[in-house]
Amino acid sequence: MMAAMDEQRFPVEQLHGFAARVFAHFGVPAGDADRAAEVLTAADLRGIDSHGVARLHFYAEMFEKGRLNPRPNFRVLRSSPSTATADGDNGLGLVVGPRANDLCMEKAESAGTGWVSVCNSNHYGIAGWYVLQGLPRDRINWSMTNASKLVTPLWGNERMLGTNPIAIAFPGQKEPPIVIDFATCTAAYGKLEIAKRKGAKIPLGWAVDREGRDTDDPDAMIAGGALLPLGADRDHGGHKGYSLALMVDVLSAVLSGANWGPFVPPFAVSYAPPARSVGKGLGHFFGSMRLDGFIDPAEFKRQIDDVVRTLRGTKPAPGTSGPLIPGDPERAAEEERRREGVPLPESVVRNLRDVAARAGVAFE
């Protein structure tokens, strides 16, 4: 079914199966390949198109160049009843991340809370997938990761930090959960890629060009410019976005022994590696908190329901339908895409067909 002149829609089950077969082709064990495909296609379902199957060709290139370990030996380097540091053995982040998240929740099961830092990993998909896993267990889960340099610090004119996302989720009882998931830059790099594919401009405040000037041209940022921290400039709170990005870098990398800041390895094989290494791979940080360690879970979820209903009842600003609850757009996208299929631009479809040909795996 055609969604637009330059888009096709595909059932998520088809995309999941294809991604799992591609990962398996590159040597990822079947169970890990299936879970990696689940994390990947969760992004497509939730409308985060920059982190879904559009990324599959990057993973394929990394495997082809020997830059990813398909069968990592996930090792716990340091452990206490509630904390751990793990080494991902340069594995696929979509495999390493879920293992670390499981370990974090296991720690919380016995200790009340669990906290796990990870080094020597790679791109782990959307931060939001990890926090969603805590909801059925009556947990508040945290997830964050650093990433290769794309963002300039406030008042800087050089890529020094990653998009460094943060996610956390709070379960409700009758109302949907509050799911907070955002990059610590004004706009994720994937949004610039989407604008570039469509030949569209980007809003001012998202990026600067190589001279440090505001730009609405995604190509100007890609060709040596940088993304801006959340808030963009000091008057609009750019110092806060910069600080959040730095916090994620410290918790994900300095705490775990991974590379931080400008020394994080690039995700794409076409980018040159950093001038030096200060750790191993990139890093993640996970947290899990049992509700019953703090409050009766039913009471907590009842209060979350009240929070959600109260905020939804806010008087709307002119020209709007009123405030959204964090997670609303993603839930709406998932409902629509499960029903109608995931829309993929023709450029992404071409890339997937190329991956299919190189891996000898059927796509359509």
Protein backbone atom coordinates (compact mmCIF):
# COMPACT_ATOMS: atom_id res chain seq x y z
CA MET A 1 0.00 0.00 0.00
CA MET A 2 1.37 3.43 -0.93
CA ALA A 3 1.38 6.07 1.80
CA ALA A 4 2.65 8.85 -0.44
CA MET A 5 4.29 9.27 -3.83
CA ASP A 6 7.72 8.46 -2.42
CA GLU A 7 6.75 6.09 0.41
CA GLN A 8 5.71 2.48 0.77
CA ARG A 9 4.19 0.85 3.83
CA PHE A 10 5.36 -2.47 5.19
CA PRO A 11 3.97 -4.64 7.99
CA VAL A 12 6.22 -4.40 11.02
CA GLU A 13 6.38 -8.20 11.14
CA GLN A 14 7.99 -8.19 7.70
CA LEU A 15 10.58 -5.62 8.73
CA HIS A 16 11.29 -7.48 11.97
CA GLY A 17 11.80 -10.79 10.17
CA PHE A 18 14.02 -9.19 7.54
CA ALA A 19 16.22 -7.46 10.12
CA ALA A 20 16.56 -10.66 12.16
CA ARG A 21 17.64 -12.62 9.06
CA VAL A 22 20.19 -9.94 8.15
CA PHE A 23 21.70 -9.99 11.65
CA ALA A 24 21.78 -13.80 11.57
CA HIS A 25 23.54 -13.69 8.18
CA PHE A 26 26.36 -11.72 9.78
CA GLY A 27 26.77 -14.33 12.52
CA VAL A 28 24.54 -13.01 15.29
CA PRO A 29 22.96 -16.00 17.15
CA ALA A 30 19.28 -16.49 16.37
CA GLY A 31 17.94 -15.36 19.77
CA ASP A 32 20.11 -12.25 19.80
CA ALA A 33 19.24 -11.50 16.17
CA ASP A 34 15.52 -11.66 16.94
CA ARG A 35 15.84 -9.37 19.96
CA ALA A 36 18.04 -6.91 18.06
CA ALA A 37 15.37 -6.78 15.36
CA GLU A 38 12.74 -6.13 18.05
CA VAL A 39 14.66 -3.11 19.38
CA LEU A 40 15.28 -1.82 15.86
CA THR A 41 11.68 -2.08 14.64
CA ALA A 42 10.34 -0.62 17.89
CA ALA A 43 11.74 2.67 16.62
CA ASP A 44 9.81 2.32 13.34
CA LEU A 45 6.60 1.49 15.19
CA ARG A 46 6.94 4.46 17.55
CA GLY A 47 7.60 6.94 14.73
CA ILE A 48 11.31 7.39 15.47
CA ASP A 49 12.20 6.72 11.85
CA SER A 50 15.83 7.79 12.18
CA HIS A 51 16.62 4.83 14.48
CA GLY A 52 14.70 2.01 12.81
CA VAL A 53 15.40 -0.15 9.77
CA ALA A 54 16.79 2.95 8.04
CA ARG A 55 19.89 2.23 10.16
CA LEU A 56 20.19 -1.39 9.00
CA HIS A 57 22.62 -0.63 6.18
CA PHE A 58 24.97 1.04 8.67
CA TYR A 59 24.97 -2.10 10.82
CA ALA A 60 25.58 -4.25 7.73
CA GLU A 61 28.55 -2.13 6.68
CA MET A 62 30.00 -2.32 10.18
CA PHE A 63 29.77 -6.11 10.14
CA GLU A 64 31.26 -6.32 6.64
CA LYS A 65 34.24 -4.22 7.70
CA GLY A 66 34.79 -6.31 10.84
CA ARG A 67 33.93 -3.36 13.08
CA LEU A 68 31.27 -5.27 15.08
CA ASN A 69 31.58 -8.55 16.99
CA PRO A 70 28.53 -10.73 16.15
CA ARG A 71 29.07 -13.03 19.15
CA PRO A 72 30.24 -10.84 22.02
CA ASN A 73 31.34 -12.24 25.35
CA PHE A 74 29.33 -9.95 27.64
CA ARG A 75 31.40 -9.75 30.85
CA VAL A 76 30.68 -8.20 34.24
CA LEU A 77 33.86 -6.41 35.29
CA ARG A 78 32.75 -5.13 38.69
CA SER A 79 29.67 -5.88 40.74
CA SER A 80 27.85 -5.15 44.02
CA PRO A 81 24.33 -6.18 45.05
CA SER A 82 22.84 -3.16 43.26
CA THR A 83 25.51 -2.06 40.74
CA ALA A 84 27.66 -3.45 37.95
CA THR A 85 30.01 -2.41 35.18
CA ALA A 86 29.98 -4.59 32.07
CA ASP A 87 32.15 -4.94 28.96
CA GLY A 88 30.15 -5.47 25.75
CA ASP A 89 33.12 -6.96 23.84
CA ASN A 90 32.47 -4.64 20.86
CA GLY A 91 29.15 -6.34 20.23
CA LEU A 92 26.10 -5.03 18.42
CA GLY A 93 24.59 -2.45 20.75
CA LEU A 94 21.15 -3.92 20.06
CA VAL A 95 22.44 -7.10 21.73
CA VAL A 96 24.68 -5.63 24.44
CA GLY A 97 22.11 -3.04 25.57
CA PRO A 98 19.29 -5.53 26.25
CA ARG A 99 21.66 -7.83 28.16
CA ALA A 100 22.79 -4.96 30.38
CA ASN A 101 19.17 -3.83 30.86
CA ASP A 102 18.24 -7.38 31.96
CA LEU A 103 21.13 -7.41 34.42
CA CYS A 104 20.00 -4.05 35.78
CA MET A 105 16.47 -5.36 36.40
CA GLU A 106 17.86 -8.52 38.01
CA LYS A 107 19.83 -6.34 40.42
CA ALA A 108 16.69 -4.39 41.25
CA GLU A 109 14.74 -7.59 41.88
CA SER A 110 17.02 -8.51 44.77
CA ALA A 111 18.34 -5.14 45.96
CA GLY A 112 15.42 -2.80 45.26
CA THR A 113 17.35 -0.79 42.69
CA GLY A 114 19.85 -1.71 39.99
CA TRP A 115 22.42 0.42 38.17
CA VAL A 116 24.61 -0.83 35.33
CA SER A 117 27.22 1.02 33.31
CA VAL A 118 28.53 -0.48 30.06
CA CYS A 119 31.69 0.05 28.03
CA ASN A 120 32.94 -1.39 24.73
CA SER A 121 29.52 -1.29 23.07
CA ASN A 122 27.98 0.30 19.97
CA HIS A 123 24.80 2.10 18.87
CA TYR A 124 21.95 0.57 20.92
CA GLY A 125 18.83 1.86 19.14
CA ILE A 126 16.22 4.01 20.87
CA ALA A 127 16.70 4.73 24.56
CA GLY A 128 12.95 4.40 25.06
CA TRP A 129 12.83 0.66 24.32
CA TYR A 130 14.83 -0.09 27.46
CA VAL A 131 12.61 1.84 29.81
CA LEU A 132 9.47 0.27 28.40
CA GLN A 133 10.73 -3.12 29.61
CA GLY A 134 10.32 -2.03 33.21
CA LEU A 135 6.64 -1.09 32.99
CA PRO A 136 5.12 -4.61 33.25
CA ARG A 137 7.41 -5.27 36.23
CA ASP A 138 6.27 -2.19 38.19
CA ARG A 139 9.66 -0.57 37.70
CA ILE A 140 10.91 2.89 36.91
CA ASN A 141 13.65 2.23 34.37
CA TRP A 142 16.30 4.68 33.19
CA SER A 143 18.34 4.48 30.01
CA MET A 144 21.00 6.68 28.48
CA THR A 145 23.92 6.36 26.06
CA ASN A 146 26.65 8.52 24.67
CA ALA A 147 27.29 8.69 20.93
CA SER A 148 29.83 9.86 18.37
CA LYS A 149 30.46 13.59 18.13
CA LEU A 150 27.86 15.71 16.35
CA VAL A 151 27.01 18.42 18.90
CA THR A 152 28.95 21.54 19.82
CA PRO A 153 29.10 22.72 23.44
CA LEU A 154 27.38 26.02 24.18
CA TRP A 155 29.40 28.85 22.60
CA GLY A 156 31.57 26.33 20.75
CA ASN A 157 32.06 25.80 17.03
CA GLU A 158 33.26 22.21 16.88
CA ARG A 159 31.67 18.78 17.26
CA MET A 160 32.58 17.54 20.74
CA LEU A 161 29.57 15.63 22.14
CA GLY A 162 27.04 13.09 20.93
CA THR A 163 23.28 13.46 20.78
CA ASN A 164 23.39 11.59 24.14
CA PRO A 165 19.74 10.64 24.77
CA ILE A 166 18.00 10.11 28.11
CA ALA A 167 14.86 8.05 28.75
CA ILE A 168 12.74 7.22 31.80
CA ALA A 169 9.22 5.74 32.12
CA PHE A 170 6.58 5.80 34.89
CA PRO A 171 3.81 3.18 34.87
CA GLY A 172 0.18 4.16 35.25
CA GLN A 173 -2.80 2.08 36.30
CA LYS A 174 -5.67 2.92 33.94
CA GLU A 175 -3.97 5.75 32.07
CA PRO A 176 -1.03 5.11 29.74
CA PRO A 177 2.48 5.38 31.16
CA ILE A 178 4.53 8.57 31.05
CA VAL A 179 7.44 7.76 28.72
CA ILE A 180 10.14 10.43 28.46
CA ASP A 181 12.74 9.89 25.73
CA PHE A 182 14.75 12.73 24.22
CA ALA A 183 18.12 13.62 22.79
CA THR A 184 20.09 16.29 24.62
CA CYS A 185 20.54 18.33 21.44
CA THR A 186 17.83 20.54 19.96
CA ALA A 187 17.11 18.00 17.21
CA ALA A 188 18.46 14.51 16.64
CA TYR A 189 20.78 13.99 13.68
CA GLY A 190 18.27 11.61 12.13
CA LYS A 191 15.84 14.51 11.69
CA LEU A 192 18.42 16.28 9.55
CA GLU A 193 18.85 13.11 7.50
CA ILE A 194 15.08 12.96 6.98
CA ALA A 195 15.04 16.63 5.90
CA LYS A 196 17.93 15.98 3.54
CA ARG A 197 16.11 13.01 1.97
CA LYS A 198 13.04 15.21 1.42
CA GLY A 199 15.04 18.20 0.17
CA ALA A 200 13.56 20.27 3.01
CA LYS A 201 15.01 23.02 5.18
CA ILE A 202 15.45 22.66 8.94
CA PRO A 203 14.36 25.19 11.60
CA LEU A 204 16.92 27.75 12.68
CA GLY A 205 18.32 26.80 16.08
CA TRP A 206 18.92 23.16 15.17
CA ALA A 207 22.41 23.48 13.72
CA VAL A 208 25.30 25.67 12.66
CA ASP A 209 27.51 25.47 9.57
CA ARG A 210 31.29 25.01 9.56
CA GLU A 211 31.73 28.73 10.31
CA GLY A 212 29.48 28.54 13.37
CA ARG A 213 26.59 30.41 11.75
CA ASP A 214 22.96 29.41 12.21
CA THR A 215 21.75 27.45 9.20
CA ASP A 216 18.48 26.05 7.87
CA ASP A 217 20.34 23.82 5.36
CA PRO A 218 20.90 20.24 6.58
CA ASP A 219 23.76 19.84 4.08
CA ALA A 220 25.59 22.79 5.66
CA MET A 221 25.59 21.03 9.02
CA ILE A 222 26.55 17.67 7.53
CA ALA A 223 29.47 19.26 5.64
CA GLY A 224 31.44 20.21 8.73
CA GLY A 225 28.88 22.00 10.88
CA ALA A 226 27.43 20.84 14.19
CA LEU A 227 24.15 20.28 15.99
CA LEU A 228 23.28 22.63 18.84
CA PRO A 229 22.59 21.53 22.43
CA LEU A 230 18.99 21.47 23.62
CA GLY A 231 17.90 25.11 23.88
CA ALA A 232 20.41 26.20 21.22
CA ASP A 233 21.71 29.41 22.82
CA ARG A 234 22.10 30.75 26.36
CA ASP A 235 18.95 32.88 26.21
CA HIS A 236 16.88 29.80 25.38
CA GLY A 237 18.54 27.44 27.87
CA GLY A 238 21.34 26.00 25.73
CA HIS A 239 23.51 25.70 28.84
CA LYS A 240 20.98 23.21 30.22
CA GLY A 241 21.09 20.98 27.15
CA TYR A 242 24.88 21.14 27.15
CA SER A 243 24.95 20.14 30.83
CA LEU A 244 22.55 17.23 30.26
CA ALA A 245 24.70 15.94 27.38
CA LEU A 246 27.78 16.12 29.57
CA MET A 247 25.97 14.28 32.39
CA VAL A 248 25.10 11.44 30.00
CA ASP A 249 28.71 11.27 28.80
CA VAL A 250 30.04 10.98 32.35
CA LEU A 251 27.52 8.34 33.49
CA SER A 252 27.75 6.31 30.27
CA ALA A 253 31.47 6.55 29.58
CA VAL A 254 33.65 7.97 32.33
CA LEU A 255 31.88 5.75 34.88
CA SER A 256 32.18 2.62 32.71
CA GLY A 257 35.57 3.08 31.05
CA ALA A 258 34.19 3.83 27.58
CA ASN A 259 35.27 6.64 25.26
CA TRP A 260 33.72 10.03 25.97
CA GLY A 261 33.14 13.27 24.06
CA PRO A 262 35.04 13.61 20.79
CA PHE A 263 36.76 10.22 21.24
CA VAL A 264 33.64 8.04 20.80
CA PRO A 265 34.07 5.83 17.69
CA PRO A 266 31.87 6.81 14.71
CA PHE A 267 28.80 4.78 13.85
CA ALA A 268 29.37 4.87 10.08
CA VAL A 269 32.38 3.22 8.43
CA SER A 270 32.82 6.24 6.16
CA TYR A 271 33.91 8.42 9.09
CA ALA A 272 37.52 8.41 10.23
CA PRO A 273 38.17 7.12 13.75
CA PRO A 274 39.03 9.66 16.48
CA ALA A 275 42.60 10.89 16.85
CA ARG A 276 42.99 8.94 20.07
CA SER A 277 41.12 6.59 22.38
CA VAL A 278 40.41 7.26 26.05
CA GLY A 279 38.46 4.05 26.72
CA LYS A 280 36.71 1.12 25.06
CA GLY A 281 33.90 1.62 22.53
CA LEU A 282 30.96 3.77 23.51
CA GLY A 283 29.03 3.54 26.76
CA HIS A 284 25.53 3.10 28.16
CA PHE A 285 23.97 3.58 31.60
CA PHE A 286 20.86 1.81 32.88
CA GLY A 287 18.81 2.11 36.06
CA SER A 288 15.87 0.16 37.46
CA MET A 289 13.87 1.02 40.60
CA ARG A 290 11.24 -1.23 42.18
CA LEU A 291 8.17 0.79 43.05
CA ASP A 292 7.56 -1.26 46.19
CA GLY A 293 10.95 -0.16 47.48
CA PHE A 294 9.49 3.34 47.83
CA ILE A 295 5.69 3.19 47.88
CA ASP A 296 2.78 0.82 47.37
CA PRO A 297 2.80 0.22 43.58
CA ALA A 298 -0.99 0.55 43.25
CA GLU A 299 -0.89 3.93 44.99
CA PHE A 300 1.97 5.14 42.80
CA LYS A 301 0.15 4.16 39.61
CA ARG A 302 -3.08 5.71 40.86
CA GLN A 303 -1.20 8.98 41.41
CA ILE A 304 0.38 8.76 37.94
CA ASP A 305 -3.15 8.41 36.53
CA ASP A 306 -4.09 11.58 38.42
CA VAL A 307 -1.01 13.38 37.08
CA VAL A 308 -1.88 12.39 33.51
CA ARG A 309 -5.54 13.42 33.81
CA THR A 310 -4.66 16.70 35.48
CA LEU A 311 -2.15 17.68 32.82
CA ARG A 312 -4.54 16.65 30.03
CA GLY A 313 -7.11 18.98 31.60
CA THR A 314 -4.86 22.02 31.24
CA LYS A 315 -6.45 24.97 29.46
CA PRO A 316 -5.12 24.72 25.88
CA ALA A 317 -2.97 27.40 24.32
CA PRO A 318 -4.55 29.21 21.34
CA GLY A 319 -4.56 27.08 18.21
CA THR A 320 -3.73 23.85 20.06
CA SER A 321 -5.65 20.93 21.52
CA GLY A 322 -3.80 21.25 24.81
CA PRO A 323 -0.73 19.61 26.35
CA LEU A 324 0.42 16.15 25.35
CA ILE A 325 1.69 13.59 27.83
CA PRO A 326 5.24 12.39 27.10
CA GLY A 327 4.81 9.23 25.05
CA ASP A 328 1.53 10.29 23.39
CA PRO A 329 2.97 10.84 19.88
CA GLU A 330 4.80 7.51 19.97
CA ARG A 331 1.69 5.64 21.15
CA ALA A 332 -0.38 7.21 18.39
CA ALA A 333 2.25 6.31 15.80
CA GLU A 334 2.41 2.71 17.03
CA GLU A 335 -1.37 2.29 16.89
CA GLU A 336 -1.53 3.68 13.35
CA ARG A 337 1.51 1.78 12.08
CA ARG A 338 0.41 -1.56 13.48
CA ARG A 339 -2.81 -1.05 11.58
CA GLU A 340 -1.54 0.55 8.35
CA GLY A 341 2.09 -0.57 8.21
CA VAL A 342 5.38 1.30 8.64
CA PRO A 343 5.96 4.02 6.00
CA LEU A 344 9.43 3.91 4.44
CA PRO A 345 10.77 6.51 1.99
CA GLU A 346 11.93 5.13 -1.35
CA SER A 347 15.54 5.94 -0.43
CA VAL A 348 15.30 3.68 2.63
CA VAL A 349 13.61 0.93 0.61
CA ARG A 350 16.49 1.07 -1.89
CA ASN A 351 18.99 0.74 0.94
CA LEU A 352 17.14 -2.26 2.36
CA ARG A 353 17.06 -3.93 -1.03
CA ASP A 354 20.80 -3.34 -1.28
CA VAL A 355 21.32 -4.92 2.15
CA ALA A 356 19.13 -7.84 1.07
CA ALA A 357 21.23 -8.41 -2.05
CA ARG A 358 24.52 -8.23 -0.14
CA ALA A 359 23.31 -10.56 2.59
CA GLY A 360 21.45 -12.94 0.30
CA VAL A 361 18.29 -12.41 2.35
CA ALA A 362 14.82 -11.90 0.86
CA PHE A 363 13.24 -8.51 1.56
CA GLU A 364 9.99 -8.56 -0.44
